[in-house]
PDB file of all heavy atoms in Angstrom:
ATOM      1  N   GLY A   1      -1.474 -13.988   6.590  1.00  0.00           N
ATOM      2  CA  GLY A   1      -2.846 -13.610   6.926  1.00  0.00           C
ATOM      3  C   GLY A   1      -3.123 -12.137   7.107  1.00  0.00           C
ATOM      4  O   GLY A   1      -4.202 -11.772   7.600  1.00  0.00           O
ATOM      5  N   ALA A   2      -2.216 -11.261   6.709  1.00  0.00           N
ATOM      6  CA  ALA A   2      -2.463  -9.829   6.850  1.00  0.00           C
ATOM      7  C   ALA A   2      -3.690  -9.409   6.051  1.00  0.00           C
ATOM      8  O   ALA A   2      -3.807  -9.719   4.864  1.00  0.00           O
ATOM      9  CB  ALA A   2      -1.250  -9.032   6.387  1.00  0.00           C
ATOM     10  N   CYS A   3      -4.581  -8.690   6.704  1.00  0.00           N
ATOM     11  CA  CYS A   3      -5.809  -8.214   6.046  1.00  0.00           C
ATOM     12  C   CYS A   3      -5.620  -6.843   5.406  1.00  0.00           C
ATOM     13  O   CYS A   3      -6.449  -6.415   4.601  1.00  0.00           O
ATOM     14  CB  CYS A   3      -6.948  -8.145   7.058  1.00  0.00           C
ATOM     15  SG  CYS A   3      -7.494  -9.747   7.680  1.00  0.00           S
ATOM     16  N   PHE A   4      -4.559  -6.147   5.774  1.00  0.00           N
ATOM     17  CA  PHE A   4      -4.222  -4.877   5.142  1.00  0.00           C
ATOM     18  C   PHE A   4      -2.732  -4.614   5.363  1.00  0.00           C
ATOM     19  O   PHE A   4      -2.116  -5.196   6.261  1.00  0.00           O
ATOM     20  CB  PHE A   4      -5.072  -3.724   5.681  1.00  0.00           C
ATOM     21  CG  PHE A   4      -5.002  -3.500   7.168  1.00  0.00           C
ATOM     22  CD1 PHE A   4      -4.136  -2.557   7.710  1.00  0.00           C
ATOM     23  CD2 PHE A   4      -5.811  -4.221   8.041  1.00  0.00           C
ATOM     24  CE1 PHE A   4      -4.065  -2.346   9.088  1.00  0.00           C
ATOM     25  CE2 PHE A   4      -5.762  -4.014   9.414  1.00  0.00           C
ATOM     26  CZ  PHE A   4      -4.886  -3.080   9.936  1.00  0.00           C
ATOM     27  N   VAL A   5      -2.169  -3.770   4.522  1.00  0.00           N
ATOM     28  CA  VAL A   5      -0.745  -3.468   4.558  1.00  0.00           C
ATOM     29  C   VAL A   5      -0.566  -1.961   4.664  1.00  0.00           C
ATOM     30  O   VAL A   5      -1.146  -1.201   3.874  1.00  0.00           O
ATOM     31  CB  VAL A   5      -0.029  -3.996   3.299  1.00  0.00           C
ATOM     32  CG1 VAL A   5       1.440  -3.546   3.269  1.00  0.00           C
ATOM     33  CG2 VAL A   5      -0.124  -5.521   3.222  1.00  0.00           C
ATOM     34  N   VAL A   6       0.246  -1.524   5.624  1.00  0.00           N
ATOM     35  CA  VAL A   6       0.495  -0.102   5.855  1.00  0.00           C
ATOM     36  C   VAL A   6       1.992   0.164   5.729  1.00  0.00           C
ATOM     37  O   VAL A   6       2.818  -0.660   6.137  1.00  0.00           O
ATOM     38  CB  VAL A   6       0.016   0.331   7.251  1.00  0.00           C
ATOM     39  CG1 VAL A   6       0.198   1.849   7.445  1.00  0.00           C
ATOM     40  CG2 VAL A   6      -1.448  -0.063   7.462  1.00  0.00           C
ATOM     41  N   GLY A   7       2.354   1.300   5.165  1.00  0.00           N
ATOM     42  CA  GLY A   7       3.761   1.654   5.035  1.00  0.00           C
ATOM     43  C   GLY A   7       4.028   3.083   5.447  1.00  0.00           C
ATOM     44  O   GLY A   7       3.115   3.917   5.449  1.00  0.00           O
ATOM     45  N   PRO A   8       5.274   3.408   5.768  1.00  0.00           N
ATOM     46  CA  PRO A   8       5.636   4.782   6.097  1.00  0.00           C
ATOM     47  C   PRO A   8       5.836   5.633   4.851  1.00  0.00           C
ATOM     48  O   PRO A   8       5.971   6.845   4.929  1.00  0.00           O
ATOM     49  CB  PRO A   8       6.958   4.613   6.863  1.00  0.00           C
ATOM     50  CG  PRO A   8       7.560   3.387   6.261  1.00  0.00           C
ATOM     51  CD  PRO A   8       6.402   2.478   5.948  1.00  0.00           C
ATOM     52  N   LEU A   9       5.869   4.959   3.690  1.00  0.00           N
ATOM     53  CA  LEU A   9       6.078   5.626   2.405  1.00  0.00           C
ATOM     54  C   LEU A   9       5.234   4.939   1.347  1.00  0.00           C
ATOM     55  O   LEU A   9       4.617   3.901   1.607  1.00  0.00           O
ATOM     56  CB  LEU A   9       7.566   5.580   2.023  1.00  0.00           C
ATOM     57  CG  LEU A   9       8.279   4.219   2.099  1.00  0.00           C
ATOM     58  CD1 LEU A   9       7.936   3.310   0.920  1.00  0.00           C
ATOM     59  CD2 LEU A   9       9.781   4.397   2.194  1.00  0.00           C
ATOM     60  N   PHE A  10       5.206   5.537   0.151  1.00  0.00           N
ATOM     61  CA  PHE A  10       4.454   4.945  -0.960  1.00  0.00           C
ATOM     62  C   PHE A  10       5.414   4.209  -1.888  1.00  0.00           C
ATOM     63  O   PHE A  10       6.405   4.763  -2.357  1.00  0.00           O
ATOM     64  CB  PHE A  10       3.706   6.021  -1.747  1.00  0.00           C
ATOM     65  CG  PHE A  10       3.125   5.524  -3.051  1.00  0.00           C
ATOM     66  CD1 PHE A  10       2.206   4.498  -3.051  1.00  0.00           C
ATOM     67  CD2 PHE A  10       3.523   6.070  -4.259  1.00  0.00           C
ATOM     68  CE1 PHE A  10       1.673   4.015  -4.240  1.00  0.00           C
ATOM     69  CE2 PHE A  10       3.001   5.613  -5.461  1.00  0.00           C
ATOM     70  CZ  PHE A  10       2.072   4.583  -5.448  1.00  0.00           C
ATOM     71  N   ASN A  11       5.123   2.933  -2.157  1.00  0.00           N
ATOM     72  CA  ASN A  11       5.900   2.124  -3.081  1.00  0.00           C
ATOM     73  C   ASN A  11       4.924   1.522  -4.084  1.00  0.00           C
ATOM     74  O   ASN A  11       4.069   0.716  -3.717  1.00  0.00           O
ATOM     75  CB  ASN A  11       6.649   1.024  -2.322  1.00  0.00           C
ATOM     76  CG  ASN A  11       7.556   0.188  -3.210  1.00  0.00           C
ATOM     77  OD1 ASN A  11       7.178  -0.167  -4.315  1.00  0.00           O
ATOM     78  ND2 ASN A  11       8.731  -0.151  -2.709  1.00  0.00           N
ATOM     79  N   ALA A  12       5.047   1.926  -5.331  1.00  0.00           N
ATOM     80  CA  ALA A  12       4.112   1.474  -6.368  1.00  0.00           C
ATOM     81  C   ALA A  12       4.125  -0.039  -6.538  1.00  0.00           C
ATOM     82  O   ALA A  12       3.100  -0.643  -6.890  1.00  0.00           O
ATOM     83  CB  ALA A  12       4.436   2.154  -7.698  1.00  0.00           C
ATOM     84  N   GLU A  13       5.262  -0.681  -6.290  1.00  0.00           N
ATOM     85  CA  GLU A  13       5.346  -2.129  -6.429  1.00  0.00           C
ATOM     86  C   GLU A  13       4.579  -2.845  -5.315  1.00  0.00           C
ATOM     87  O   GLU A  13       4.019  -3.919  -5.532  1.00  0.00           O
ATOM     88  CB  GLU A  13       6.816  -2.578  -6.441  1.00  0.00           C
ATOM     89  CG  GLU A  13       7.600  -2.052  -7.627  1.00  0.00           C
ATOM     90  CD  GLU A  13       6.957  -2.428  -8.962  1.00  0.00           C
ATOM     91  OE1 GLU A  13       6.605  -3.615  -9.133  1.00  0.00           O
ATOM     92  OE2 GLU A  13       6.800  -1.542  -9.818  1.00  0.00           O
ATOM     93  N   VAL A  14       4.558  -2.244  -4.134  1.00  0.00           N
ATOM     94  CA  VAL A  14       3.749  -2.802  -3.047  1.00  0.00           C
ATOM     95  C   VAL A  14       2.278  -2.693  -3.415  1.00  0.00           C
ATOM     96  O   VAL A  14       1.484  -3.610  -3.177  1.00  0.00           O
ATOM     97  CB  VAL A  14       4.035  -2.094  -1.712  1.00  0.00           C
ATOM     98  CG1 VAL A  14       3.069  -2.584  -0.628  1.00  0.00           C
ATOM     99  CG2 VAL A  14       5.477  -2.341  -1.269  1.00  0.00           C
ATOM    100  N   ALA A  15       1.896  -1.565  -4.012  1.00  0.00           N
ATOM    101  CA  ALA A  15       0.505  -1.380  -4.436  1.00  0.00           C
ATOM    102  C   ALA A  15       0.087  -2.475  -5.413  1.00  0.00           C
ATOM    103  O   ALA A  15      -1.017  -3.028  -5.311  1.00  0.00           O
ATOM    104  CB  ALA A  15       0.326   0.001  -5.075  1.00  0.00           C
ATOM    105  N   LYS A  16       0.956  -2.810  -6.350  1.00  0.00           N
ATOM    106  CA  LYS A  16       0.636  -3.845  -7.338  1.00  0.00           C
ATOM    107  C   LYS A  16       0.368  -5.191  -6.679  1.00  0.00           C
ATOM    108  O   LYS A  16      -0.607  -5.879  -7.004  1.00  0.00           O
ATOM    109  CB  LYS A  16       1.788  -3.981  -8.337  1.00  0.00           C
ATOM    110  CG  LYS A  16       1.922  -2.841  -9.319  1.00  0.00           C
ATOM    111  CD  LYS A  16       3.099  -3.098 -10.263  1.00  0.00           C
ATOM    112  CE  LYS A  16       3.275  -1.940 -11.234  1.00  0.00           C
ATOM    113  NZ  LYS A  16       4.433  -2.178 -12.131  1.00  0.00           N
ATOM    114  N   ILE A  17       1.252  -5.593  -5.785  1.00  0.00           N
ATOM    115  CA  ILE A  17       1.102  -6.915  -5.178  1.00  0.00           C
ATOM    116  C   ILE A  17      -0.109  -6.979  -4.269  1.00  0.00           C
ATOM    117  O   ILE A  17      -0.793  -8.010  -4.187  1.00  0.00           O
ATOM    118  CB  ILE A  17       2.402  -7.312  -4.435  1.00  0.00           C
ATOM    119  CG1 ILE A  17       2.428  -8.810  -4.162  1.00  0.00           C
ATOM    120  CG2 ILE A  17       2.602  -6.534  -3.160  1.00  0.00           C
ATOM    121  CD1 ILE A  17       3.766  -9.312  -3.660  1.00  0.00           C
ATOM    122  N   CYS A  18      -0.425  -5.872  -3.613  1.00  0.00           N
ATOM    123  CA  CYS A  18      -1.624  -5.847  -2.758  1.00  0.00           C
ATOM    124  C   CYS A  18      -2.886  -5.850  -3.612  1.00  0.00           C
ATOM    125  O   CYS A  18      -3.863  -6.542  -3.289  1.00  0.00           O
ATOM    126  CB  CYS A  18      -1.593  -4.619  -1.850  1.00  0.00           C
ATOM    127  SG  CYS A  18      -0.359  -4.703  -0.521  1.00  0.00           S
ATOM    128  N   ASN A  19      -2.882  -5.090  -4.699  1.00  0.00           N
ATOM    129  CA  ASN A  19      -4.047  -5.072  -5.591  1.00  0.00           C
ATOM    130  C   ASN A  19      -4.328  -6.452  -6.157  1.00  0.00           C
ATOM    131  O   ASN A  19      -5.481  -6.863  -6.298  1.00  0.00           O
ATOM    132  CB  ASN A  19      -3.812  -4.075  -6.739  1.00  0.00           C
ATOM    133  CG  ASN A  19      -3.866  -2.636  -6.292  1.00  0.00           C
ATOM    134  OD1 ASN A  19      -4.420  -2.318  -5.241  1.00  0.00           O
ATOM    135  ND2 ASN A  19      -3.280  -1.745  -7.070  1.00  0.00           N
ATOM    136  N   ARG A  20      -3.274  -7.166  -6.493  1.00  0.00           N
ATOM    137  CA  ARG A  20      -3.435  -8.504  -7.060  1.00  0.00           C
ATOM    138  C   ARG A  20      -4.148  -9.439  -6.099  1.00  0.00           C
ATOM    139  O   ARG A  20      -4.910 -10.315  -6.507  1.00  0.00           O
ATOM    140  CB  ARG A  20      -2.072  -9.078  -7.438  1.00  0.00           C
ATOM    141  CG  ARG A  20      -2.152 -10.447  -8.122  1.00  0.00           C
ATOM    142  CD  ARG A  20      -0.774 -10.949  -8.507  1.00  0.00           C
ATOM    143  NE  ARG A  20      -0.130 -10.093  -9.475  1.00  0.00           N
ATOM    144  CZ  ARG A  20       1.011  -9.423  -9.262  1.00  0.00           C
ATOM    145  NH1 ARG A  20       1.618  -9.525  -8.091  1.00  0.00           N
ATOM    146  NH2 ARG A  20       1.531  -8.672 -10.194  1.00  0.00           N
ATOM    147  N   ARG A  21      -3.891  -9.253  -4.808  1.00  0.00           N
ATOM    148  CA  ARG A  21      -4.481 -10.129  -3.790  1.00  0.00           C
ATOM    149  C   ARG A  21      -5.744  -9.539  -3.156  1.00  0.00           C
ATOM    150  O   ARG A  21      -6.327 -10.154  -2.273  1.00  0.00           O
ATOM    151  CB  ARG A  21      -3.439 -10.397  -2.697  1.00  0.00           C
ATOM    152  CG  ARG A  21      -2.194 -11.144  -3.171  1.00  0.00           C
ATOM    153  CD  ARG A  21      -2.440 -12.625  -3.312  1.00  0.00           C
ATOM    154  NE  ARG A  21      -2.551 -13.258  -2.001  1.00  0.00           N
ATOM    155  CZ  ARG A  21      -1.519 -13.739  -1.300  1.00  0.00           C
ATOM    156  NH1 ARG A  21      -0.296 -13.657  -1.795  1.00  0.00           N
ATOM    157  NH2 ARG A  21      -1.701 -14.289  -0.120  1.00  0.00           N
ATOM    158  N   GLY A  22      -6.156  -8.355  -3.596  1.00  0.00           N
ATOM    159  CA  GLY A  22      -7.364  -7.750  -3.044  1.00  0.00           C
ATOM    160  C   GLY A  22      -7.188  -7.286  -1.609  1.00  0.00           C
ATOM    161  O   GLY A  22      -8.138  -7.303  -0.815  1.00  0.00           O
ATOM    162  N   ILE A  23      -5.955  -6.875  -1.265  1.00  0.00           N
ATOM    163  CA  ILE A  23      -5.640  -6.426   0.098  1.00  0.00           C
ATOM    164  C   ILE A  23      -5.454  -4.916   0.105  1.00  0.00           C
ATOM    165  O   ILE A  23      -4.709  -4.375  -0.727  1.00  0.00           O
ATOM    166  CB  ILE A  23      -4.346  -7.103   0.601  1.00  0.00           C
ATOM    167  CG1 ILE A  23      -4.510  -8.615   0.647  1.00  0.00           C
ATOM    168  CG2 ILE A  23      -3.923  -6.561   1.960  1.00  0.00           C
ATOM    169  CD1 ILE A  23      -5.542  -9.096   1.630  1.00  0.00           C
ATOM    170  N   PRO A  24      -6.085  -4.183   1.011  1.00  0.00           N
ATOM    171  CA  PRO A  24      -5.886  -2.732   1.070  1.00  0.00           C
ATOM    172  C   PRO A  24      -4.425  -2.383   1.370  1.00  0.00           C
ATOM    173  O   PRO A  24      -3.824  -2.952   2.281  1.00  0.00           O
ATOM    174  CB  PRO A  24      -6.800  -2.287   2.211  1.00  0.00           C
ATOM    175  CG  PRO A  24      -7.805  -3.383   2.356  1.00  0.00           C
ATOM    176  CD  PRO A  24      -7.080  -4.645   2.002  1.00  0.00           C
ATOM    177  N   TYR A  25      -3.889  -1.456   0.599  1.00  0.00           N
ATOM    178  CA  TYR A  25      -2.555  -0.916   0.844  1.00  0.00           C
ATOM    179  C   TYR A  25      -2.712   0.534   1.250  1.00  0.00           C
ATOM    180  O   TYR A  25      -3.288   1.333   0.517  1.00  0.00           O
ATOM    181  CB  TYR A  25      -1.697  -1.035  -0.416  1.00  0.00           C
ATOM    182  CG  TYR A  25      -0.349  -0.351  -0.343  1.00  0.00           C
ATOM    183  CD1 TYR A  25       0.438  -0.435   0.809  1.00  0.00           C
ATOM    184  CD2 TYR A  25       0.152   0.364  -1.433  1.00  0.00           C
ATOM    185  CE1 TYR A  25       1.682   0.179   0.862  1.00  0.00           C
ATOM    186  CE2 TYR A  25       1.400   0.969  -1.387  1.00  0.00           C
ATOM    187  CZ  TYR A  25       2.158   0.879  -0.236  1.00  0.00           C
ATOM    188  OH  TYR A  25       3.402   1.494  -0.178  1.00  0.00           O
ATOM    189  N   ILE A  26      -2.222   0.864   2.442  1.00  0.00           N
ATOM    190  CA  ILE A  26      -2.352   2.215   2.992  1.00  0.00           C
ATOM    191  C   ILE A  26      -0.945   2.794   3.115  1.00  0.00           C
ATOM    192  O   ILE A  26      -0.247   2.560   4.103  1.00  0.00           O
ATOM    193  CB  ILE A  26      -3.062   2.181   4.362  1.00  0.00           C
ATOM    194  CG1 ILE A  26      -4.403   1.446   4.246  1.00  0.00           C
ATOM    195  CG2 ILE A  26      -3.270   3.590   4.896  1.00  0.00           C
ATOM    196  CD1 ILE A  26      -5.068   1.155   5.577  1.00  0.00           C
ATOM    197  N   PRO A  27      -0.500   3.533   2.105  1.00  0.00           N
ATOM    198  CA  PRO A  27       0.868   4.037   2.104  1.00  0.00           C
ATOM    199  C   PRO A  27       1.014   5.357   2.845  1.00  0.00           C
ATOM    200  O   PRO A  27       0.070   6.151   2.927  1.00  0.00           O
ATOM    201  CB  PRO A  27       1.144   4.230   0.610  1.00  0.00           C
ATOM    202  CG  PRO A  27      -0.189   4.648   0.061  1.00  0.00           C
ATOM    203  CD  PRO A  27      -1.209   3.868   0.854  1.00  0.00           C
ATOM    204  N   GLY A  28       2.216   5.578   3.355  1.00  0.00           N
ATOM    205  CA  GLY A  28       2.501   6.848   4.004  1.00  0.00           C
ATOM    206  C   GLY A  28       2.759   7.924   2.965  1.00  0.00           C
ATOM    207  O   GLY A  28       3.541   7.728   2.029  1.00  0.00           O
ATOM    208  N   CYS A  29       2.090   9.066   3.114  1.00  0.00           N
ATOM    209  CA  CYS A  29       2.232  10.183   2.170  1.00  0.00           C
ATOM    210  C   CYS A  29       2.488  11.468   2.959  1.00  0.00           C
ATOM    211  O   CYS A  29       1.906  11.667   4.032  1.00  0.00           O
ATOM    212  CB  CYS A  29       0.967  10.341   1.328  1.00  0.00           C
ATOM    213  SG  CYS A  29       0.554   8.886   0.342  1.00  0.00           S
ATOM    214  N   GLY A  30       3.344  12.316   2.402  1.00  0.00           N
ATOM    215  CA  GLY A  30       3.673  13.561   3.092  1.00  0.00           C
ATOM    216  C   GLY A  30       3.325  14.808   2.313  1.00  0.00           C
ATOM    217  O   GLY A  30       3.691  15.908   2.706  1.00  0.00           O
ATOM    218  N   SER A  31       2.599  14.632   1.192  1.00  0.00           N
ATOM    219  CA  SER A  31       2.207  15.781   0.382  1.00  0.00           C
ATOM    220  C   SER A  31       0.952  15.458  -0.409  1.00  0.00           C
ATOM    221  O   SER A  31       0.575  14.289  -0.555  1.00  0.00           O
ATOM    222  CB  SER A  31       3.335  16.162  -0.587  1.00  0.00           C
ATOM    223  OG  SER A  31       3.465  15.184  -1.600  1.00  0.00           O
ATOM    224  N   VAL A  32       0.349  16.499  -0.959  1.00  0.00           N
ATOM    225  CA  VAL A  32      -0.841  16.314  -1.783  1.00  0.00           C
ATOM    226  C   VAL A  32      -0.501  15.496  -3.028  1.00  0.00           C
ATOM    227  O   VAL A  32      -1.263  14.616  -3.438  1.00  0.00           O
ATOM    228  CB  VAL A  32      -1.435  17.679  -2.177  1.00  0.00           C
ATOM    229  CG1 VAL A  32      -2.627  17.494  -3.125  1.00  0.00           C
ATOM    230  CG2 VAL A  32      -1.877  18.452  -0.937  1.00  0.00           C
ATOM    231  N   SER A  33       0.650  15.747  -3.614  1.00  0.00           N
ATOM    232  CA  SER A  33       1.055  15.001  -4.810  1.00  0.00           C
ATOM    233  C   SER A  33       1.230  13.519  -4.512  1.00  0.00           C
ATOM    234  O   SER A  33       0.818  12.663  -5.300  1.00  0.00           O
ATOM    235  CB  SER A  33       2.368  15.571  -5.376  1.00  0.00           C
ATOM    236  OG  SER A  33       2.169  16.868  -5.897  1.00  0.00           O
TER     237      SER A  33
END
């Protein structure tokens, strides 16, 4: 039942699975890039 997913880092595979389910993925980023 998670309504959003947050991580300490960015993982492109997590983004894919969240996008598929329409769930916001908020990844941890440490730079502009």
